[in-house]
Structure formats: structure tokens, C-alpha cells
Amino acid sequence: MLFRSLSHCAKAVIPGFYGVMPDGTVKTFSRGGSDITGSIVAKAAKADVYENWTDVSGILVADPGIIDSPRGIEIITYRELRELAYMGFNVLHEDAIFPVRQKGIPINIRNTNAPDDNGTWIVGSTCQKSQYVITGIAGKKGFCSINIEKDMMNAEIGFGRKVLQAFEENGISFEHVPSGIDTMTVYVHQDEFMHKEQKVVAGLHRLAQPDSIEIESDLALIAVVGRGMKSTRGTAGRIFSALAHANVNVKMIDQGSSELNIIIGVANEDFETAIKAIYDIFVITRI
């Protein structure tokens, strides 16, 4: 419908923030909804590029509220942005990626107040190396961990399912689930968990029959993301060395098999210090 309308129009002005529900009623999108509108229109029009004009000259390596004048990112892939957006990057609505990604349409984030700036290009894939080993750093506060211990856990078929069922029954989604031989830790949003804490604990005892359960609150998760990390040796070592020098205690480490990102858990009070330390080692000193 939208494509047929645009096919006979050389230029069009289309308002954002609006959509239509299955019953025909108009729906107003949430914050960032115009980003999604632009992405859908770009896909429908089979555009060569989707330019998203905003008030900053592209995407920054880290939060300017934590890092003073952080460097900009020249090129970032859809996958990298997806990881960073989920953990707090908010220049572009994370759902705006999907329509153009399906058609291989790049996104160019531009600054309305500085139109000559190149901004940031968001692409499906690229052979161009990132300026730094990492592409970006993002994170969130307000998590808690539930550590479940049980002897011979690794030999018990279905143990992980039983643990996660206790959270599912209470409508709580999990963020990360690092595990060991006899331990399994579930990270969840603290504000979702705290009011259902004892129900979840009771469910864990009923379903998984653990030897012990320990809960730790006021934690933060930090994502260090970059396509360059896969081909660079010692990246994780540099991260943890920087954190050690900054006197930051690491609570959790989680890395996917793609080697695109490393998730680090720290105390809420160490959140800003940790991000500054990681930014400094990769962007400022670049040793």
C-alpha cells in the first residue's frame, strides 16, 4: 500500500509517530517512533540510503554524560548497533534497524545543526576496520543476580529449564545466565524482581531443589562491543587489566561465541568508573 503510493511521487512528506492497528484505528508510536517510520518508508521506497537527521553528529563511542566529549563512530554494523542500543544507546530507536536491514539499505545518522558533518554510517557488513579495537561501550544499572548452587547440576537433565521456569511463572525475563559446573546465575532487572523475590525463590526450591540460593542486588551490566575484537588478541585481558587498575571488582563475565561483545557485571557504584577505564584503555591511550 505504502509502496504503491510512493511509486507515483517524486517527493513526499510523511509524518512520523503514527501507525494503523489491525482494526483501522490510528496508533501513536512511543518515543523514537519517527525513526521507525523513516525506516519503513525507506524500505517501501527502495531507497539507496536512509538519512536520519537528529541533533548530534552521529553515534558516539560512549555516553557523553559519563565521558567528556567522546569520539564519534564512523561506521557501525547493524549487529553492533543492536547490541549497543539494547544496553542504552539511544540515538536511534533499536527497532528502526529491522525494516532497512532486510533490504540492505544503509542508515546515515546526520546532524541538523551541522549538516556538513559525515555522521555515522550503519551498514549490514563492511571490510573497513573500526578506528579502535572496540566500536562502542554501553551499559545499564539496576540489575540483581540470583546464584543457584547444586552438586552435580551439570549431570541433571533439564536443570536449566527448571530454573528459568521459576522466572517465567512469575513473568520475569532474564538478561544473562552464566554458569559453572555446580552453579548457575540468573541476571534480571531488579525493579521487576524485587516485588516477586520470594515467589521466585519458592519456585526455584520447588522446581530445581538447589542446595543454596544467593541474591545480590544493585548491579550494573556493561557491554563492550566491536567487530575488531574478534581479530585482536588480548582484548579481554586489556579490559580486565584496566578495571583492576581502576579498583573495579568484576562480578560477572559473559562473552558470546561470535566474539562481537563482552558483557561485564559490576556494582552500581562502579558503573561510571568502569566505563571511563575501558574507554581510556581503548580510545585515549590505545596501547
C-alpha atoms as a PDB file:
ATOM      1  CA  MET A   1       0.000   0.000   0.000  1.00  0.00           C
ATOM      2  CA  LEU A   2       2.699   2.476   1.030  1.00  0.00           C
ATOM      3  CA  PHE A   3       4.980   1.464  -1.861  1.00  0.00           C
ATOM      4  CA  ARG A   4       2.172   1.935  -4.414  1.00  0.00           C
ATOM      5  CA  SER A   5       1.524   5.412  -3.008  1.00  0.00           C
ATOM      6  CA  LEU A   6       5.186   6.399  -3.215  1.00  0.00           C
ATOM      7  CA  SER A   7       5.798   4.898  -6.658  1.00  0.00           C
ATOM      8  CA  HIS A   8       3.980   7.817  -8.324  1.00  0.00           C
ATOM      9  CA  CYS A   9       5.529  10.512  -6.158  1.00  0.00           C
ATOM     10  CA  ALA A  10       8.928  12.135  -6.754  1.00  0.00           C
ATOM     11  CA  LYS A  11       8.958  13.782  -3.330  1.00  0.00           C
ATOM     12  CA  ALA A  12       6.843  13.076  -0.273  1.00  0.00           C
ATOM     13  CA  VAL A  13       6.489  14.392   3.265  1.00  0.00           C
ATOM     14  CA  ILE A  14       5.281  11.676   5.623  1.00  0.00           C
ATOM     15  CA  PRO A  15       4.625  12.363   9.330  1.00  0.00           C
ATOM     16  CA  GLY A  16       6.231  10.061  11.847  1.00  0.00           C
ATOM     17  CA  PHE A  17       4.921   8.619  15.099  1.00  0.00           C
ATOM     18  CA  TYR A  18       1.745   7.244  13.528  1.00  0.00           C
ATOM     19  CA  GLY A  19       0.634   3.763  12.551  1.00  0.00           C
ATOM     20  CA  VAL A  20      -2.596   1.864  11.988  1.00  0.00           C
ATOM     21  CA  MET A  21      -3.839  -1.034  14.097  1.00  0.00           C
ATOM     22  CA  PRO A  22      -5.433  -4.135  12.506  1.00  0.00           C
ATOM     23  CA  ASP A  23      -8.896  -2.684  13.219  1.00  0.00           C
ATOM     24  CA  GLY A  24      -8.042   0.538  11.369  1.00  0.00           C
ATOM     25  CA  THR A  25      -7.590   2.811  14.397  1.00  0.00           C
ATOM     26  CA  VAL A  26      -4.629   5.195  14.458  1.00  0.00           C
ATOM     27  CA  LYS A  27      -1.840   4.305  16.896  1.00  0.00           C
ATOM     28  CA  THR A  28       0.750   6.781  18.173  1.00  0.00           C
ATOM     29  CA  PHE A  29       4.237   5.269  18.452  1.00  0.00           C
ATOM     30  CA  SER A  30       6.345   5.543  21.572  1.00  0.00           C
ATOM     31  CA  ARG A  31       9.435   7.762  21.868  1.00  0.00           C
ATOM     32  CA  GLY A  32      11.663   7.323  18.833  1.00  0.00           C
ATOM     33  CA  GLY A  33       8.707   6.233  16.702  1.00  0.00           C
ATOM     34  CA  SER A  34       9.645   8.577  13.861  1.00  0.00           C
ATOM     35  CA  ASP A  35      12.891   6.596  13.450  1.00  0.00           C
ATOM     36  CA  ILE A  36      10.797   3.501  12.738  1.00  0.00           C
ATOM     37  CA  THR A  37       8.525   5.414  10.358  1.00  0.00           C
ATOM     38  CA  GLY A  38      11.531   6.613   8.370  1.00  0.00           C
ATOM     39  CA  SER A  39      12.927   3.093   8.196  1.00  0.00           C
ATOM     40  CA  ILE A  40       9.637   1.649   6.931  1.00  0.00           C
ATOM     41  CA  VAL A  41       9.320   4.396   4.305  1.00  0.00           C
ATOM     42  CA  ALA A  42      12.922   3.855   3.171  1.00  0.00           C
ATOM     43  CA  LYS A  43      12.200   0.141   2.727  1.00  0.00           C
ATOM     44  CA  ALA A  44       8.937   0.775   0.868  1.00  0.00           C
ATOM     45  CA  ALA A  45      10.589   3.327  -1.442  1.00  0.00           C
ATOM     46  CA  LYS A  46      13.582   1.025  -2.054  1.00  0.00           C
ATOM     47  CA  ALA A  47      15.836   3.910  -1.098  1.00  0.00           C
ATOM     48  CA  ASP A  48      19.604   3.850  -1.611  1.00  0.00           C
ATOM     49  CA  VAL A  49      20.130   5.222   1.895  1.00  0.00           C
ATOM     50  CA  TYR A  50      18.042   6.179   4.912  1.00  0.00           C
ATOM     51  CA  GLU A  51      19.264   9.511   6.309  1.00  0.00           C
ATOM     52  CA  ASN A  52      18.170  10.105   9.887  1.00  0.00           C
ATOM     53  CA  TRP A  53      18.666  13.753  10.891  1.00  0.00           C
ATOM     54  CA  THR A  54      18.975  14.442  14.597  1.00  0.00           C
ATOM     55  CA  ASP A  55      20.773  16.822  16.993  1.00  0.00           C
ATOM     56  CA  VAL A  56      24.135  15.014  17.174  1.00  0.00           C
ATOM     57  CA  SER A  57      26.788  14.262  14.559  1.00  0.00           C
ATOM     58  CA  GLY A  58      26.328  10.531  14.608  1.00  0.00           C
ATOM     59  CA  ILE A  59      26.777   7.855  17.239  1.00  0.00           C
ATOM     60  CA  LEU A  60      29.411   8.246  19.949  1.00  0.00           C
ATOM     61  CA  VAL A  61      31.712   5.567  21.337  1.00  0.00           C
ATOM     62  CA  ALA A  62      30.376   6.130  24.854  1.00  0.00           C
ATOM     63  CA  ASP A  63      27.751   8.099  26.781  1.00  0.00           C
ATOM     64  CA  PRO A  64      28.690  11.818  26.824  1.00  0.00           C
ATOM     65  CA  GLY A  65      27.088  12.004  30.254  1.00  0.00           C
ATOM     66  CA  ILE A  66      29.936   9.795  31.519  1.00  0.00           C
ATOM     67  CA  ILE A  67      32.790  10.540  29.111  1.00  0.00           C
ATOM     68  CA  ASP A  68      33.742  14.135  28.376  1.00  0.00           C
ATOM     69  CA  SER A  69      33.492  14.717  24.580  1.00  0.00           C
ATOM     70  CA  PRO A  70      33.650  11.054  23.478  1.00  0.00           C
ATOM     71  CA  ARG A  71      34.862  10.240  19.972  1.00  0.00           C
ATOM     72  CA  GLY A  72      32.375   9.535  17.216  1.00  0.00           C
ATOM     73  CA  ILE A  73      31.847   6.265  15.350  1.00  0.00           C
ATOM     74  CA  GLU A  74      32.349   6.455  11.579  1.00  0.00           C
ATOM     75  CA  ILE A  75      30.932   3.068  10.578  1.00  0.00           C
ATOM     76  CA  ILE A  76      28.990   0.563  12.668  1.00  0.00           C
ATOM     77  CA  THR A  77      27.203  -2.618  11.639  1.00  0.00           C
ATOM     78  CA  TYR A  78      23.570  -3.408  12.334  1.00  0.00           C
ATOM     79  CA  ARG A  79      24.623  -6.183  14.742  1.00  0.00           C
ATOM     80  CA  GLU A  80      26.927  -3.894  16.695  1.00  0.00           C
ATOM     81  CA  LEU A  81      24.271  -1.211  16.983  1.00  0.00           C
ATOM     82  CA  ARG A  82      21.675  -3.755  18.062  1.00  0.00           C
ATOM     83  CA  GLU A  83      23.925  -4.846  20.946  1.00  0.00           C
ATOM     84  CA  LEU A  84      24.673  -1.265  21.994  1.00  0.00           C
ATOM     85  CA  ALA A  85      21.098   0.000  21.607  1.00  0.00           C
ATOM     86  CA  TYR A  86      19.794  -2.742  23.884  1.00  0.00           C
ATOM     87  CA  MET A  87      22.275  -1.671  26.547  1.00  0.00           C
ATOM     88  CA  GLY A  88      21.488   2.027  26.432  1.00  0.00           C
ATOM     89  CA  PHE A  89      22.500   3.704  23.152  1.00  0.00           C
ATOM     90  CA  ASN A  90      19.535   5.915  22.272  1.00  0.00           C
ATOM     91  CA  VAL A  91      20.499   7.959  19.201  1.00  0.00           C
ATOM     92  CA  LEU A  92      18.339   5.688  17.025  1.00  0.00           C
ATOM     93  CA  HIS A  93      15.384   3.543  18.089  1.00  0.00           C
ATOM     94  CA  GLU A  94      16.619  -0.066  18.075  1.00  0.00           C
ATOM     95  CA  ASP A  95      13.564  -1.324  16.142  1.00  0.00           C
ATOM     96  CA  ALA A  96      14.343   1.075  13.277  1.00  0.00           C
ATOM     97  CA  ILE A  97      17.094  -1.270  12.157  1.00  0.00           C
ATOM     98  CA  PHE A  98      14.950  -4.176  11.007  1.00  0.00           C
ATOM     99  CA  PRO A  99      12.989  -2.794   8.003  1.00  0.00           C
ATOM    100  CA  VAL A 100      16.073  -1.426   6.201  1.00  0.00           C
ATOM    101  CA  ARG A 101      18.292  -4.314   7.260  1.00  0.00           C
ATOM    102  CA  GLN A 102      16.052  -6.715   5.356  1.00  0.00           C
ATOM    103  CA  LYS A 103      16.726  -4.766   2.151  1.00  0.00           C
ATOM    104  CA  GLY A 104      20.379  -3.952   2.755  1.00  0.00           C
ATOM    105  CA  ILE A 105      19.722  -0.205   2.985  1.00  0.00           C
ATOM    106  CA  PRO A 106      22.391   1.664   4.997  1.00  0.00           C
ATOM    107  CA  ILE A 107      21.446   4.288   7.583  1.00  0.00           C
ATOM    108  CA  ASN A 108      23.290   7.596   7.857  1.00  0.00           C
ATOM    109  CA  ILE A 109      22.897   9.457  11.164  1.00  0.00           C
ATOM    110  CA  ARG A 110      23.329  13.197  10.454  1.00  0.00           C
ATOM    111  CA  ASN A 111      23.275  16.412  12.493  1.00  0.00           C
ATOM    112  CA  THR A 112      20.666  19.017  11.556  1.00  0.00           C
ATOM    113  CA  ASN A 113      22.789  21.718  13.222  1.00  0.00           C
ATOM    114  CA  ALA A 114      25.989  20.605  11.457  1.00  0.00           C
ATOM    115  CA  PRO A 115      24.902  19.357   8.012  1.00  0.00           C
ATOM    116  CA  ASP A 116      28.457  19.129   6.651  1.00  0.00           C
ATOM    117  CA  ASP A 117      29.480  16.512   9.229  1.00  0.00           C
ATOM    118  CA  ASN A 118      29.692  12.976   7.836  1.00  0.00           C
ATOM    119  CA  GLY A 119      27.882  11.486  10.805  1.00  0.00           C
ATOM    120  CA  THR A 120      27.743   7.729  11.349  1.00  0.00           C
ATOM    121  CA  TRP A 121      27.030   5.061   8.739  1.00  0.00           C
ATOM    122  CA  ILE A 122      25.111   1.979   9.874  1.00  0.00           C
ATOM    123  CA  VAL A 123      25.628  -0.910   7.450  1.00  0.00           C
ATOM    124  CA  GLY A 124      24.960  -4.615   7.149  1.00  0.00           C
ATOM    125  CA  SER A 125      28.623  -5.554   6.786  1.00  0.00           C
ATOM    126  CA  THR A 126      31.874  -3.829   5.929  1.00  0.00           C
ATOM    127  CA  CYS A 127      35.514  -4.605   5.197  1.00  0.00           C
ATOM    128  CA  GLN A 128      36.543  -1.308   6.769  1.00  0.00           C
ATOM    129  CA  LYS A 129      38.213  -1.699  10.134  1.00  0.00           C
ATOM    130  CA  SER A 130      36.882   0.283  13.052  1.00  0.00           C
ATOM    131  CA  GLN A 131      39.044   3.164  14.219  1.00  0.00           C
ATOM    132  CA  TYR A 132      39.556   1.437  17.552  1.00  0.00           C
ATOM    133  CA  VAL A 133      39.520  -2.216  18.596  1.00  0.00           C
ATOM    134  CA  ILE A 134      36.124  -1.605  20.164  1.00  0.00           C
ATOM    135  CA  THR A 135      33.233   0.128  18.430  1.00  0.00           C
ATOM    136  CA  GLY A 136      31.296   1.279  21.480  1.00  0.00           C
ATOM    137  CA  ILE A 137      30.627   0.931  25.197  1.00  0.00           C
ATOM    138  CA  ALA A 138      27.175   0.982  26.748  1.00  0.00           C
ATOM    139  CA  GLY A 139      25.546  -0.173  29.935  1.00  0.00           C
ATOM    140  CA  LYS A 140      22.691  -0.063  32.396  1.00  0.00           C
ATOM    141  CA  LYS A 141      22.309  -0.030  36.152  1.00  0.00           C
ATOM    142  CA  GLY A 142      19.651  -1.733  38.239  1.00  0.00           C
ATOM    143  CA  PHE A 143      20.194  -5.475  37.964  1.00  0.00           C
ATOM    144  CA  CYS A 144      20.386  -8.240  40.526  1.00  0.00           C
ATOM    145  CA  SER A 145      21.840 -11.732  40.355  1.00  0.00           C
ATOM    146  CA  ILE A 146      20.341 -14.951  41.661  1.00  0.00           C
ATOM    147  CA  ASN A 147      23.042 -17.567  42.129  1.00  0.00           C
ATOM    148  CA  ILE A 148      21.796 -21.170  42.315  1.00  0.00           C
ATOM    149  CA  GLU A 149      24.145 -23.896  43.554  1.00  0.00           C
ATOM    150  CA  LYS A 150      23.567 -27.635  43.366  1.00  0.00           C
ATOM    151  CA  ASP A 151      26.010 -30.531  43.388  1.00  0.00           C
ATOM    152  CA  MET A 152      26.104 -32.458  40.102  1.00  0.00           C
ATOM    153  CA  MET A 153      23.971 -29.794  38.454  1.00  0.00           C
ATOM    154  CA  ASN A 154      25.710 -30.361  35.123  1.00  0.00           C
ATOM    155  CA  ALA A 155      24.627 -34.010  35.091  1.00  0.00           C
ATOM    156  CA  GLU A 156      20.956 -33.268  35.782  1.00  0.00           C
ATOM    157  CA  ILE A 157      18.996 -33.148  32.525  1.00  0.00           C
ATOM    158  CA  GLY A 158      16.597 -30.201  32.363  1.00  0.00           C
ATOM    159  CA  PHE A 159      18.066 -28.310  35.319  1.00  0.00           C
ATOM    160  CA  GLY A 160      18.417 -25.051  33.391  1.00  0.00           C
ATOM    161  CA  ARG A 161      14.840 -25.287  32.145  1.00  0.00           C
ATOM    162  CA  LYS A 162      13.559 -25.802  35.693  1.00  0.00           C
ATOM    163  CA  VAL A 163      15.455 -22.742  36.923  1.00  0.00           C
ATOM    164  CA  LEU A 164      14.193 -20.493  34.153  1.00  0.00           C
ATOM    165  CA  GLN A 165      10.653 -21.844  34.585  1.00  0.00           C
ATOM    166  CA  ALA A 166      10.567 -20.295  38.069  1.00  0.00           C
ATOM    167  CA  PHE A 167      11.194 -16.885  36.481  1.00  0.00           C
ATOM    168  CA  GLU A 168       8.775 -17.499  33.616  1.00  0.00           C
ATOM    169  CA  GLU A 169       5.952 -18.424  36.000  1.00  0.00           C
ATOM    170  CA  ASN A 170       6.351 -15.005  37.622  1.00  0.00           C
ATOM    171  CA  GLY A 171       6.560 -13.043  34.373  1.00  0.00           C
ATOM    172  CA  ILE A 172      10.246 -12.146  34.727  1.00  0.00           C
ATOM    173  CA  SER A 173      12.614 -12.180  31.770  1.00  0.00           C
ATOM    174  CA  PHE A 174      16.325 -12.813  32.238  1.00  0.00           C
ATOM    175  CA  GLU A 175      19.271 -10.865  30.855  1.00  0.00           C
ATOM    176  CA  HIS A 176      22.205 -13.269  31.147  1.00  0.00           C
ATOM    177  CA  VAL A 177      22.721 -16.761  32.529  1.00  0.00           C
ATOM    178  CA  PRO A 178      26.427 -17.516  33.109  1.00  0.00           C
ATOM    179  CA  SER A 179      27.040 -20.937  34.629  1.00  0.00           C
ATOM    180  CA  GLY A 180      29.707 -23.238  36.089  1.00  0.00           C
ATOM    181  CA  ILE A 181      29.877 -26.926  36.922  1.00  0.00           C
ATOM    182  CA  ASP A 182      27.686 -26.707  40.008  1.00  0.00           C
ATOM    183  CA  THR A 183      26.406 -23.122  39.768  1.00  0.00           C
ATOM    184  CA  MET A 184      24.025 -21.163  37.581  1.00  0.00           C
ATOM    185  CA  THR A 185      23.469 -17.422  37.917  1.00  0.00           C
ATOM    186  CA  VAL A 186      20.498 -15.551  36.509  1.00  0.00           C
ATOM    187  CA  TYR A 187      20.690 -11.778  35.975  1.00  0.00           C
ATOM    188  CA  VAL A 188      17.366  -9.914  35.955  1.00  0.00           C
ATOM    189  CA  HIS A 189      16.100  -6.344  36.214  1.00  0.00           C
ATOM    190  CA  GLN A 190      15.932  -5.510  39.900  1.00  0.00           C
ATOM    191  CA  ASP A 191      12.707  -3.484  39.685  1.00  0.00           C
ATOM    192  CA  GLU A 192      10.921  -6.449  38.057  1.00  0.00           C
ATOM    193  CA  PHE A 193      12.307  -8.986  40.502  1.00  0.00           C
ATOM    194  CA  MET A 194      12.169  -7.322  43.908  1.00  0.00           C
ATOM    195  CA  HIS A 195       8.375  -7.495  44.315  1.00  0.00           C
ATOM    196  CA  LYS A 196       8.297 -11.178  43.333  1.00  0.00           C
ATOM    197  CA  GLU A 197      11.523 -12.213  45.012  1.00  0.00           C
ATOM    198  CA  GLN A 198      10.165 -14.772  47.455  1.00  0.00           C
ATOM    199  CA  LYS A 199       7.760 -16.265  44.918  1.00  0.00           C
ATOM    200  CA  VAL A 200      10.702 -16.887  42.579  1.00  0.00           C
ATOM    201  CA  VAL A 201      12.820 -18.341  45.391  1.00  0.00           C
ATOM    202  CA  ALA A 202       9.982 -20.663  46.381  1.00  0.00           C
ATOM    203  CA  GLY A 203       9.578 -21.680  42.743  1.00  0.00           C
ATOM    204  CA  LEU A 204      13.292 -22.430  42.445  1.00  0.00           C
ATOM    205  CA  HIS A 205      13.196 -24.669  45.503  1.00  0.00           C
ATOM    206  CA  ARG A 206      10.086 -26.440  44.250  1.00  0.00           C
ATOM    207  CA  LEU A 207      11.277 -26.968  40.672  1.00  0.00           C
ATOM    208  CA  ALA A 208      15.072 -27.252  40.861  1.00  0.00           C
ATOM    209  CA  GLN A 209      15.680 -28.238  44.519  1.00  0.00           C
ATOM    210  CA  PRO A 210      19.013 -26.375  44.778  1.00  0.00           C
ATOM    211  CA  ASP A 211      21.478 -26.723  47.647  1.00  0.00           C
ATOM    212  CA  SER A 212      21.589 -22.943  48.130  1.00  0.00           C
ATOM    213  CA  ILE A 213      20.409 -19.661  46.611  1.00  0.00           C
ATOM    214  CA  GLU A 214      22.193 -16.321  46.991  1.00  0.00           C
ATOM    215  CA  ILE A 215      20.859 -12.976  45.780  1.00  0.00           C
ATOM    216  CA  GLU A 216      22.950  -9.872  45.110  1.00  0.00           C
ATOM    217  CA  SER A 217      21.393  -6.515  44.222  1.00  0.00           C
ATOM    218  CA  ASP A 218      22.482  -3.115  42.889  1.00  0.00           C
ATOM    219  CA  LEU A 219      24.482  -4.406  39.942  1.00  0.00           C
ATOM    220  CA  ALA A 220      25.225  -2.862  36.555  1.00  0.00           C
ATOM    221  CA  LEU A 221      25.904  -4.527  33.200  1.00  0.00           C
ATOM    222  CA  ILE A 222      28.344  -3.049  30.679  1.00  0.00           C
ATOM    223  CA  ALA A 223      28.602  -4.157  27.039  1.00  0.00           C
ATOM    224  CA  VAL A 224      31.894  -3.699  25.210  1.00  0.00           C
ATOM    225  CA  VAL A 225      31.078  -4.168  21.519  1.00  0.00           C
ATOM    226  CA  GLY A 226      33.240  -4.257  18.410  1.00  0.00           C
ATOM    227  CA  ARG A 227      33.759  -6.253  15.240  1.00  0.00           C
ATOM    228  CA  GLY A 228      37.503  -5.628  15.633  1.00  0.00           C
ATOM    229  CA  MET A 229      37.633  -7.620  18.876  1.00  0.00           C
ATOM    230  CA  LYS A 230      37.435 -10.940  17.028  1.00  0.00           C
ATOM    231  CA  SER A 231      40.734 -10.427  15.217  1.00  0.00           C
ATOM    232  CA  THR A 232      42.591  -8.740  18.081  1.00  0.00           C
ATOM    233  CA  ARG A 233      44.342 -10.821  20.703  1.00  0.00           C
ATOM    234  CA  GLY A 234      44.219  -9.877  24.353  1.00  0.00           C
ATOM    235  CA  THR A 235      41.114  -7.689  24.206  1.00  0.00           C
ATOM    236  CA  ALA A 236      39.525  -9.258  27.284  1.00  0.00           C
ATOM    237  CA  GLY A 237      42.835  -9.079  29.127  1.00  0.00           C
ATOM    238  CA  ARG A 238      43.116  -5.347  28.421  1.00  0.00           C
ATOM    239  CA  ILE A 239      39.574  -4.755  29.658  1.00  0.00           C
ATOM    240  CA  PHE A 240      40.095  -6.537  32.957  1.00  0.00           C
ATOM    241  CA  SER A 241      43.541  -5.029  33.455  1.00  0.00           C
ATOM    242  CA  ALA A 242      42.028  -1.551  33.043  1.00  0.00           C
ATOM    243  CA  LEU A 243      39.264  -2.382  35.514  1.00  0.00           C
ATOM    244  CA  ALA A 244      41.758  -3.764  38.028  1.00  0.00           C
ATOM    245  CA  HIS A 245      43.843  -0.582  37.839  1.00  0.00           C
ATOM    246  CA  ALA A 246      40.661   1.419  38.444  1.00  0.00           C
ATOM    247  CA  ASN A 247      39.889  -0.736  41.530  1.00  0.00           C
ATOM    248  CA  VAL A 248      36.688  -2.067  39.969  1.00  0.00           C
ATOM    249  CA  ASN A 249      35.624  -5.542  41.092  1.00  0.00           C
ATOM    250  CA  VAL A 250      34.185  -7.640  38.265  1.00  0.00           C
ATOM    251  CA  LYS A 251      31.080  -9.575  39.314  1.00  0.00           C
ATOM    252  CA  MET A 252      30.350 -11.341  36.036  1.00  0.00           C
ATOM    253  CA  ILE A 253      31.862 -12.008  32.607  1.00  0.00           C
ATOM    254  CA  ASP A 254      29.846 -13.229  29.623  1.00  0.00           C
ATOM    255  CA  GLN A 255      31.062 -13.449  26.021  1.00  0.00           C
ATOM    256  CA  GLY A 256      29.140 -14.802  23.063  1.00  0.00           C
ATOM    257  CA  SER A 257      30.677 -17.221  20.560  1.00  0.00           C
ATOM    258  CA  SER A 258      30.569 -14.510  17.878  1.00  0.00           C
ATOM    259  CA  GLU A 259      33.188 -12.532  19.851  1.00  0.00           C
ATOM    260  CA  LEU A 260      31.255  -9.393  18.960  1.00  0.00           C
ATOM    261  CA  ASN A 261      30.716  -8.322  22.559  1.00  0.00           C
ATOM    262  CA  ILE A 262      31.776  -8.880  26.130  1.00  0.00           C
ATOM    263  CA  ILE A 263      29.286  -8.301  28.950  1.00  0.00           C
ATOM    264  CA  ILE A 264      30.711  -7.307  32.321  1.00  0.00           C
ATOM    265  CA  GLY A 265      28.856  -7.125  35.615  1.00  0.00           C
ATOM    266  CA  VAL A 266      29.962  -4.598  38.254  1.00  0.00           C
ATOM    267  CA  ALA A 267      28.436  -2.880  41.270  1.00  0.00           C
ATOM    268  CA  ASN A 268      26.208   0.118  40.504  1.00  0.00           C
ATOM    269  CA  GLU A 269      28.644   2.385  42.325  1.00  0.00           C
ATOM    270  CA  ASP A 270      31.488   1.302  39.998  1.00  0.00           C
ATOM    271  CA  PHE A 271      29.500   1.776  36.772  1.00  0.00           C
ATOM    272  CA  GLU A 272      30.859   5.157  35.636  1.00  0.00           C
ATOM    273  CA  THR A 273      34.408   4.345  36.783  1.00  0.00           C
ATOM    274  CA  ALA A 274      34.379   1.115  34.782  1.00  0.00           C
ATOM    275  CA  ILE A 275      33.198   2.772  31.576  1.00  0.00           C
ATOM    276  CA  LYS A 276      35.835   5.511  31.919  1.00  0.00           C
ATOM    277  CA  ALA A 277      38.567   2.905  32.441  1.00  0.00           C
ATOM    278  CA  ILE A 278      37.533   0.874  29.381  1.00  0.00           C
ATOM    279  CA  TYR A 279      37.181   3.979  27.202  1.00  0.00           C
ATOM    280  CA  ASP A 280      40.593   5.235  28.285  1.00  0.00           C
ATOM    281  CA  ILE A 281      42.457   2.000  27.540  1.00  0.00           C
ATOM    282  CA  PHE A 282      40.977   1.558  24.040  1.00  0.00           C
ATOM    283  CA  VAL A 283      40.352   5.105  22.816  1.00  0.00           C
ATOM    284  CA  ILE A 284      42.647   7.506  24.673  1.00  0.00           C
ATOM    285  CA  THR A 285      45.828   5.527  25.270  1.00  0.00           C
ATOM    286  CA  ARG A 286      45.219   2.861  22.581  1.00  0.00           C
ATOM    287  CA  ILE A 287      48.051   0.690  23.875  1.00  0.00           C
END
